[in-house]
Amino acid sequence: MTESGTRLNLATLSEKIEKLTLVVNALQSHTDDKLTAMLEERKGIRLSQDFLCEIYEDMKKKLETITMTSHNLQEENNNLKSVVSDLHTRSEKMENDVNELEQYSRRCCLEFETIVFEKNENIDQLIVQVANKIGVTLHPSDISISHHMAPSTPTHPNPNIIVKFLSRKVRDNIYSNRVKL
């Protein structure tokens, strides 16, 4: 090869190397731009992931708190159900006891029906007269209290009379002789 041919080849080769260098530099610049963009995108993804992790941890803590609160409320609810059940049982027993006491307090009482109502009547005197008619000796002092069960109305002109006697013996004597009416 000649010197001019070598120069030509060297010049061509130099040109080709410069072109390749430009292409490589352009590719490197383009790659650097892409890499920078990817790094920025990765950074954004990382920030987003960190944010989501924080939210997840907060939600996890809130769920634990809610679960604990729910458990505590269930325990409290069960305790309150037990208390309510106990109170209900005690209330029923008290109602029965009150009913028995009321029944006991009425042991000296009698109810009289179909006695004609008169205005301003002396009920004690009326009961003494009824007792005398059935052969029972009764004095007004044997009566603790007496009154009509309800006021007289056009639909119910003769309300029943309730009488509380001072002793059950007097009450039982009148009650056993009621068949003589």
Protein backbone atom coordinates (compact mmCIF):
# COMPACT_ATOMS: atom_id res chain seq x y z
CA MET A 1 0.00 0.00 0.00
CA THR A 2 1.07 3.42 -0.67
CA GLU A 3 1.46 6.23 1.59
CA SER A 4 -1.42 8.13 0.05
CA GLY A 5 -3.61 5.07 0.33
CA THR A 6 -2.72 4.73 3.97
CA ARG A 7 -3.50 8.36 4.54
CA LEU A 8 -6.78 7.95 2.83
CA ASN A 9 -7.56 5.01 4.98
CA LEU A 10 -6.41 6.85 8.07
CA ALA A 11 -8.47 9.93 7.11
CA THR A 12 -11.47 7.78 6.38
CA LEU A 13 -10.88 5.86 9.50
CA SER A 14 -10.55 9.08 11.46
CA GLU A 15 -13.77 10.39 9.97
CA LYS A 16 -15.52 7.15 10.77
CA ILE A 17 -14.14 7.23 14.33
CA GLU A 18 -15.36 10.83 14.74
CA LYS A 19 -18.78 9.88 13.38
CA LEU A 20 -18.82 6.88 15.68
CA THR A 21 -17.72 9.06 18.58
CA LEU A 22 -20.57 11.48 17.82
CA VAL A 23 -23.02 8.61 17.57
CA VAL A 24 -21.69 7.06 20.80
CA ASN A 25 -21.81 10.46 22.54
CA ALA A 26 -25.38 11.01 21.30
CA LEU A 27 -26.36 7.53 22.43
CA GLN A 28 -24.64 8.07 25.75
CA SER A 29 -26.40 11.41 26.22
CA HIS A 30 -29.73 9.83 25.23
CA THR A 31 -29.02 6.90 27.59
CA ASP A 32 -28.03 9.32 30.37
CA ASP A 33 -31.29 11.24 29.84
CA LYS A 34 -33.29 8.00 29.90
CA LEU A 35 -31.39 6.78 32.97
CA THR A 36 -31.96 10.11 34.75
CA ALA A 37 -35.68 9.92 33.91
CA MET A 38 -35.80 6.33 35.15
CA LEU A 39 -34.01 7.30 38.36
CA GLU A 40 -36.48 10.15 38.91
CA GLU A 41 -39.36 7.79 38.25
CA ARG A 42 -37.82 5.23 40.64
CA LYS A 43 -37.45 7.98 43.24
CA GLY A 44 -41.13 8.91 42.80
CA ILE A 45 -42.15 5.24 43.07
CA ARG A 46 -40.04 4.90 46.21
CA LEU A 47 -41.68 7.97 47.77
CA SER A 48 -45.10 6.62 46.82
CA GLN A 49 -44.21 3.22 48.28
CA ASP A 50 -42.99 4.85 51.52
CA PHE A 51 -46.22 6.87 51.70
CA LEU A 52 -48.32 3.73 51.18
CA CYS A 53 -46.28 1.90 53.84
CA GLU A 54 -46.98 4.71 56.32
CA ILE A 55 -50.69 4.59 55.48
CA TYR A 56 -50.65 0.80 55.85
CA GLU A 57 -48.96 1.03 59.26
CA ASP A 58 -51.46 3.70 60.39
CA MET A 59 -54.36 1.56 59.19
CA LYS A 60 -52.85 -1.47 60.91
CA LYS A 61 -52.59 0.45 64.20
CA LYS A 62 -56.15 1.75 63.83
CA LEU A 63 -57.42 -1.77 63.11
CA GLU A 64 -55.64 -3.07 66.20
CA THR A 65 -57.19 -0.27 68.27
CA ILE A 66 -60.64 -0.93 66.83
CA THR A 67 -60.26 -4.68 67.40
CA MET A 68 -59.22 -4.08 71.00
CA THR A 69 -62.05 -1.61 71.56
CA SER A 70 -64.53 -4.06 70.01
CA HIS A 71 -63.27 -6.83 72.26
CA ASN A 72 -63.58 -4.59 75.32
CA LEU A 73 -67.08 -3.53 74.29
CA GLN A 74 -68.10 -7.15 73.81
CA GLU A 75 -66.85 -7.98 77.29
CA GLU A 76 -68.66 -4.97 78.73
CA ASN A 77 -71.82 -5.90 76.81
CA ASN A 78 -71.67 -9.46 78.18
CA ASN A 79 -71.20 -8.09 81.70
CA LEU A 80 -74.15 -5.72 81.24
CA LYS A 81 -76.30 -8.56 79.88
CA SER A 82 -75.47 -10.53 83.00
CA VAL A 83 -76.36 -7.56 85.23
CA VAL A 84 -79.62 -6.98 83.34
CA SER A 85 -80.51 -10.66 83.63
CA ASP A 86 -79.79 -10.56 87.36
CA LEU A 87 -81.82 -7.38 87.78
CA HIS A 88 -84.68 -8.89 85.77
CA THR A 89 -84.68 -11.97 88.02
CA ARG A 90 -84.59 -9.80 91.13
CA SER A 91 -87.35 -7.58 89.74
CA GLU A 92 -89.61 -10.59 89.10
CA LYS A 93 -88.97 -11.85 92.64
CA MET A 94 -89.74 -8.40 94.06
CA GLU A 95 -92.94 -8.21 92.02
CA ASN A 96 -93.99 -11.59 93.43
CA ASP A 97 -93.09 -10.47 96.96
CA VAL A 98 -95.06 -7.23 96.54
CA ASN A 99 -98.02 -9.16 95.17
CA GLU A 100 -97.89 -11.54 98.13
CA LEU A 101 -97.72 -8.58 100.54
CA GLU A 102 -100.66 -6.93 98.81
CA GLN A 103 -102.62 -10.17 99.00
CA TYR A 104 -101.70 -10.49 102.66
CA SER A 105 -102.81 -6.94 103.36
CA ARG A 106 -106.20 -7.75 101.78
CA ARG A 107 -106.83 -10.76 103.99
CA CYS A 108 -109.13 -8.70 106.19
CA CYS A 109 -111.08 -7.24 103.25
CA LEU A 110 -114.39 -8.20 101.68
CA GLU A 111 -116.08 -6.84 98.59
CA PHE A 112 -119.85 -6.32 98.67
CA GLU A 113 -121.82 -6.31 95.42
CA THR A 114 -125.34 -5.27 94.39
CA ILE A 115 -125.95 -2.94 97.34
CA VAL A 116 -128.10 -0.06 96.14
CA PHE A 117 -126.17 3.22 96.09
CA GLU A 118 -127.64 6.17 97.95
CA LYS A 119 -126.13 9.62 98.03
CA ASN A 120 -124.50 10.66 101.35
CA GLU A 121 -124.95 7.16 102.82
CA ASN A 122 -122.97 5.92 105.79
CA ILE A 123 -121.25 2.86 104.35
CA ASP A 124 -120.13 1.55 107.75
CA GLN A 125 -123.73 1.63 108.98
CA LEU A 126 -124.89 -0.07 105.77
CA ILE A 127 -122.40 -2.92 106.26
CA VAL A 128 -123.44 -3.32 109.91
CA GLN A 129 -127.06 -3.68 108.73
CA VAL A 130 -126.11 -6.30 106.10
CA ALA A 131 -124.15 -8.26 108.74
CA ASN A 132 -127.08 -8.15 111.14
CA LYS A 133 -129.40 -9.49 108.39
CA ILE A 134 -127.22 -12.59 107.99
CA GLY A 135 -127.02 -13.12 111.75
CA VAL A 136 -123.55 -11.69 112.44
CA THR A 137 -123.14 -9.18 115.21
CA LEU A 138 -121.00 -6.35 113.85
CA HIS A 139 -120.19 -2.95 115.30
CA PRO A 140 -118.87 0.07 113.36
CA SER A 141 -115.72 -0.18 115.49
CA ASP A 142 -115.03 -3.59 113.86
CA ILE A 143 -114.56 -1.82 110.50
CA SER A 144 -111.20 -0.27 109.71
CA ILE A 145 -112.28 1.45 106.49
CA SER A 146 -114.99 1.14 103.85
CA HIS A 147 -115.66 2.85 100.54
CA HIS A 148 -117.11 2.41 97.08
CA MET A 149 -114.71 0.90 94.53
CA ALA A 150 -115.65 3.52 91.92
CA PRO A 151 -118.01 6.47 91.68
CA SER A 152 -121.60 5.86 90.69
CA THR A 153 -122.24 6.31 86.94
CA PRO A 154 -125.35 5.95 84.76
CA THR A 155 -123.93 2.72 83.29
CA HIS A 156 -122.86 1.41 86.71
CA PRO A 157 -125.28 2.93 89.26
CA ASN A 158 -124.37 0.59 92.17
CA PRO A 159 -120.57 0.35 92.47
CA ASN A 160 -119.13 -2.38 94.65
CA ILE A 161 -118.10 -1.59 98.21
CA ILE A 162 -114.84 -2.75 99.74
CA VAL A 163 -114.59 -3.11 103.51
CA LYS A 164 -111.47 -3.73 105.58
CA PHE A 165 -112.19 -5.26 108.97
CA LEU A 166 -110.00 -4.97 112.03
CA SER A 167 -109.74 -8.74 112.36
CA ARG A 168 -109.87 -11.70 110.02
CA LYS A 169 -112.14 -13.49 112.44
CA VAL A 170 -114.92 -10.92 111.86
CA ARG A 171 -114.30 -11.02 108.09
CA ASP A 172 -114.42 -14.85 108.01
CA ASN A 173 -117.61 -14.87 110.10
CA ILE A 174 -119.38 -12.57 107.61
CA TYR A 175 -117.97 -14.48 104.64
CA SER A 176 -119.12 -17.88 105.93
CA ASN A 177 -122.65 -16.55 106.60
CA ARG A 178 -123.02 -14.91 103.16
CA VAL A 179 -125.23 -17.80 101.99
CA LYS A 180 -127.99 -16.54 104.28
CA LEU A 181 -128.50 -13.55 102.00
